[in-house]
Structures are given as structure tokens and as C-alpha cells.
Amino acid sequence: MLKEYKNIETKDNLQSFFDYSIKQIELSIRESGYGDATINKKMKDYVNLLFSIIDKIDDWENIDNERREEIFKKYIVNVSNFHDYSEYFEKYSKYLRNNTFKNLSKDIITL
């Protein structure tokens, strides 16, 4: 969502969505029963992973299918057919382009 709407939506709305997403990651880690020190370490790992993924997909439209599948292979293990993931991601991107950010995030932004 951040990628699709970065040139369309206001920075405040995107920042609110990003903050909400990070908070949800933290809550999920806490619900797993980890202590505060472990939560901090895991948050650092997950946020670094998220930024790594965002960096890799920033130019998604200009990447060939082989390179796309390589990106998925880096982040998803124990799967043989990465073409399905690439196809799903394309459909999801198209879905995002056909909907407004406000429509998809209205409940999140108001929280």
C-alpha cells in the first residue's frame, strides 16, 4: 500500500498507516509472550526486514519476472512455485490502483 500510494496520498496519512502497521507488529510480538528486551530486538529485525522488502519492490513495475521471483526467494522459504507469488502480487497491486487509499485505510487512519 505504501508503495502504490506514495505519490498520491498525503505524507501524514501514509505516516499514520505506517505507524499503525509497526504498532501491530509490536503487539503481535508481545502477544507471543516475549519479554521487553526480546521485543526490542525482534522489532529491530522485523523493521529492517520490512524496509529491505520496500526497497526491493520500489521499482517493481520495471523488474522482469525472473528478478521478481528472486526477490520472493529471498524472503519466502520452503516454497517451490514463486511464480504464483509474483502473479498474486501483480493482482494485489492492480487492486490497490483501482481503489483509493482512504477506502482501504479509513478505519486504520481514524484509530
C-alpha atoms as a PDB file:
ATOM      1  CA  MET A   1       0.000   0.000   0.000  1.00  0.00           C
ATOM      2  CA  LEU A   2       2.765   2.414   0.879  1.00  0.00           C
ATOM      3  CA  LYS A   3       4.378   1.905  -2.500  1.00  0.00           C
ATOM      4  CA  GLU A   4       1.199   2.290  -4.524  1.00  0.00           C
ATOM      5  CA  TYR A   5       0.023   5.442  -2.788  1.00  0.00           C
ATOM      6  CA  LYS A   6       3.295   7.230  -2.051  1.00  0.00           C
ATOM      7  CA  ASN A   7       2.812   9.733  -4.895  1.00  0.00           C
ATOM      8  CA  ILE A   8      -0.932  10.120  -4.445  1.00  0.00           C
ATOM      9  CA  GLU A   9      -1.681  10.272  -0.737  1.00  0.00           C
ATOM     10  CA  THR A  10      -0.577  12.837   1.861  1.00  0.00           C
ATOM     11  CA  LYS A  11       2.539  12.113   3.861  1.00  0.00           C
ATOM     12  CA  ASP A  12       0.584  12.420   7.112  1.00  0.00           C
ATOM     13  CA  ASN A  13      -1.857   9.700   6.073  1.00  0.00           C
ATOM     14  CA  LEU A  14       0.920   7.411   4.887  1.00  0.00           C
ATOM     15  CA  GLN A  15       2.857   8.030   8.099  1.00  0.00           C
ATOM     16  CA  SER A  16      -0.240   7.214  10.172  1.00  0.00           C
ATOM     17  CA  PHE A  17      -0.699   3.980   8.261  1.00  0.00           C
ATOM     18  CA  PHE A  18       2.984   3.073   8.658  1.00  0.00           C
ATOM     19  CA  ASP A  19       2.911   3.847  12.397  1.00  0.00           C
ATOM     20  CA  TYR A  20      -0.186   1.707  12.799  1.00  0.00           C
ATOM     21  CA  SER A  21       1.473  -1.175  10.924  1.00  0.00           C
ATOM     22  CA  ILE A  22       4.590  -1.008  13.095  1.00  0.00           C
ATOM     23  CA  LYS A  23       2.446  -0.920  16.238  1.00  0.00           C
ATOM     24  CA  GLN A  24       0.604  -4.037  15.052  1.00  0.00           C
ATOM     25  CA  ILE A  25       3.910  -5.854  14.565  1.00  0.00           C
ATOM     26  CA  GLU A  26       4.919  -4.909  18.095  1.00  0.00           C
ATOM     27  CA  LEU A  27       1.574  -6.064  19.531  1.00  0.00           C
ATOM     28  CA  SER A  28       1.889  -9.390  17.718  1.00  0.00           C
ATOM     29  CA  ILE A  29       5.345  -9.926  19.201  1.00  0.00           C
ATOM     30  CA  ARG A  30       4.066  -9.036  22.683  1.00  0.00           C
ATOM     31  CA  GLU A  31       1.151 -11.451  22.319  1.00  0.00           C
ATOM     32  CA  SER A  32       3.673 -14.204  21.600  1.00  0.00           C
ATOM     33  CA  GLY A  33       4.884 -13.769  25.187  1.00  0.00           C
ATOM     34  CA  TYR A  34       8.340 -12.307  24.632  1.00  0.00           C
ATOM     35  CA  GLY A  35       9.951 -10.030  27.218  1.00  0.00           C
ATOM     36  CA  ASP A  36      10.765  -6.370  26.631  1.00  0.00           C
ATOM     37  CA  ALA A  37      14.422  -6.962  25.700  1.00  0.00           C
ATOM     38  CA  THR A  38      13.464  -9.606  23.141  1.00  0.00           C
ATOM     39  CA  ILE A  39      10.658  -7.432  21.782  1.00  0.00           C
ATOM     40  CA  ASN A  40      13.132  -4.622  21.077  1.00  0.00           C
ATOM     41  CA  LYS A  41      15.483  -6.993  19.253  1.00  0.00           C
ATOM     42  CA  LYS A  42      12.687  -8.606  17.239  1.00  0.00           C
ATOM     43  CA  MET A  43      11.204  -5.200  16.360  1.00  0.00           C
ATOM     44  CA  LYS A  44      14.575  -4.094  15.018  1.00  0.00           C
ATOM     45  CA  ASP A  45      14.811  -7.289  12.938  1.00  0.00           C
ATOM     46  CA  TYR A  46      11.262  -7.004  11.587  1.00  0.00           C
ATOM     47  CA  VAL A  47      11.508  -3.299  10.772  1.00  0.00           C
ATOM     48  CA  ASN A  48      14.824  -3.880   8.972  1.00  0.00           C
ATOM     49  CA  LEU A  49      13.192  -6.715   7.032  1.00  0.00           C
ATOM     50  CA  LEU A  50      10.228  -4.504   6.143  1.00  0.00           C
ATOM     51  CA  PHE A  51      12.498  -1.734   4.861  1.00  0.00           C
ATOM     52  CA  SER A  52      14.501  -4.281   2.893  1.00  0.00           C
ATOM     53  CA  ILE A  53      11.328  -5.517   1.195  1.00  0.00           C
ATOM     54  CA  ILE A  54      10.115  -1.979   0.492  1.00  0.00           C
ATOM     55  CA  ASP A  55      13.475  -1.148  -1.057  1.00  0.00           C
ATOM     56  CA  LYS A  56      13.392  -4.225  -3.302  1.00  0.00           C
ATOM     57  CA  ILE A  57       9.860  -3.644  -4.599  1.00  0.00           C
ATOM     58  CA  ASP A  58      10.125   0.111  -5.116  1.00  0.00           C
ATOM     59  CA  ASP A  59      10.711  -0.328  -8.842  1.00  0.00           C
ATOM     60  CA  TRP A  60       8.528  -3.445  -9.189  1.00  0.00           C
ATOM     61  CA  GLU A  61       6.911  -2.447 -12.481  1.00  0.00           C
ATOM     62  CA  ASN A  62      10.292  -2.288 -14.210  1.00  0.00           C
ATOM     63  CA  ILE A  63      11.633  -5.611 -12.943  1.00  0.00           C
ATOM     64  CA  ASP A  64      11.397  -8.720 -15.110  1.00  0.00           C
ATOM     65  CA  ASN A  65       9.661 -11.856 -13.837  1.00  0.00           C
ATOM     66  CA  GLU A  66      12.891 -13.707 -13.152  1.00  0.00           C
ATOM     67  CA  ARG A  67      14.148 -10.910 -10.878  1.00  0.00           C
ATOM     68  CA  ARG A  68      10.760 -10.745  -9.142  1.00  0.00           C
ATOM     69  CA  GLU A  69      10.938 -14.428  -8.343  1.00  0.00           C
ATOM     70  CA  GLU A  70      14.472 -13.944  -6.978  1.00  0.00           C
ATOM     71  CA  ILE A  71      13.119 -11.302  -4.623  1.00  0.00           C
ATOM     72  CA  PHE A  72      10.442 -13.683  -3.364  1.00  0.00           C
ATOM     73  CA  LYS A  73      13.016 -16.447  -2.908  1.00  0.00           C
ATOM     74  CA  LYS A  74      14.969 -14.188  -0.600  1.00  0.00           C
ATOM     75  CA  TYR A  75      12.024 -13.650   1.749  1.00  0.00           C
ATOM     76  CA  ILE A  76       9.938 -16.837   1.464  1.00  0.00           C
ATOM     77  CA  VAL A  77      11.356 -20.261   2.283  1.00  0.00           C
ATOM     78  CA  ASN A  78      10.119 -23.797   1.593  1.00  0.00           C
ATOM     79  CA  VAL A  79       8.104 -22.865  -1.487  1.00  0.00           C
ATOM     80  CA  SER A  80       8.775 -24.118  -4.978  1.00  0.00           C
ATOM     81  CA  ASN A  81       6.449 -22.088  -7.209  1.00  0.00           C
ATOM     82  CA  PHE A  82       7.380 -18.441  -6.815  1.00  0.00           C
ATOM     83  CA  HIS A  83       5.544 -17.559  -9.992  1.00  0.00           C
ATOM     84  CA  ASP A  84       2.265 -17.801  -8.048  1.00  0.00           C
ATOM     85  CA  TYR A  85       3.512 -15.208  -5.561  1.00  0.00           C
ATOM     86  CA  SER A  86       4.586 -12.895  -8.331  1.00  0.00           C
ATOM     87  CA  GLU A  87       1.206 -13.247 -10.027  1.00  0.00           C
ATOM     88  CA  TYR A  88      -0.640 -12.640  -6.743  1.00  0.00           C
ATOM     89  CA  PHE A  89       1.437  -9.537  -6.044  1.00  0.00           C
ATOM     90  CA  GLU A  90       0.587  -8.195  -9.501  1.00  0.00           C
ATOM     91  CA  LYS A  91      -3.125  -8.742  -8.912  1.00  0.00           C
ATOM     92  CA  TYR A  92      -2.886  -7.100  -5.491  1.00  0.00           C
ATOM     93  CA  SER A  93      -1.085  -4.091  -6.975  1.00  0.00           C
ATOM     94  CA  LYS A  94      -3.793  -3.760  -9.593  1.00  0.00           C
ATOM     95  CA  TYR A  95      -6.429  -3.984  -6.854  1.00  0.00           C
ATOM     96  CA  LEU A  96      -4.710  -1.167  -4.954  1.00  0.00           C
ATOM     97  CA  ARG A  97      -4.545   1.002  -8.074  1.00  0.00           C
ATOM     98  CA  ASN A  98      -8.284   0.530  -8.595  1.00  0.00           C
ATOM     99  CA  ASN A  99      -9.158   1.600  -5.042  1.00  0.00           C
ATOM    100  CA  THR A 100      -8.449   4.704  -3.038  1.00  0.00           C
ATOM    101  CA  PHE A 101      -6.148   4.790  -0.047  1.00  0.00           C
ATOM    102  CA  LYS A 102      -8.937   6.293   2.034  1.00  0.00           C
ATOM    103  CA  ASN A 103     -11.280   3.448   1.132  1.00  0.00           C
ATOM    104  CA  LEU A 104      -8.714   0.804   2.133  1.00  0.00           C
ATOM    105  CA  SER A 105      -7.443   2.511   5.277  1.00  0.00           C
ATOM    106  CA  LYS A 106     -10.354   4.540   6.650  1.00  0.00           C
ATOM    107  CA  ASP A 107     -10.628   2.519   9.880  1.00  0.00           C
ATOM    108  CA  ILE A 108      -6.853   2.479  10.419  1.00  0.00           C
ATOM    109  CA  ILE A 109      -6.312   6.209   9.941  1.00  0.00           C
ATOM    110  CA  THR A 110      -9.143   7.128  12.311  1.00  0.00           C
ATOM    111  CA  LEU A 111      -7.652   4.940  15.048  1.00  0.00           C
END
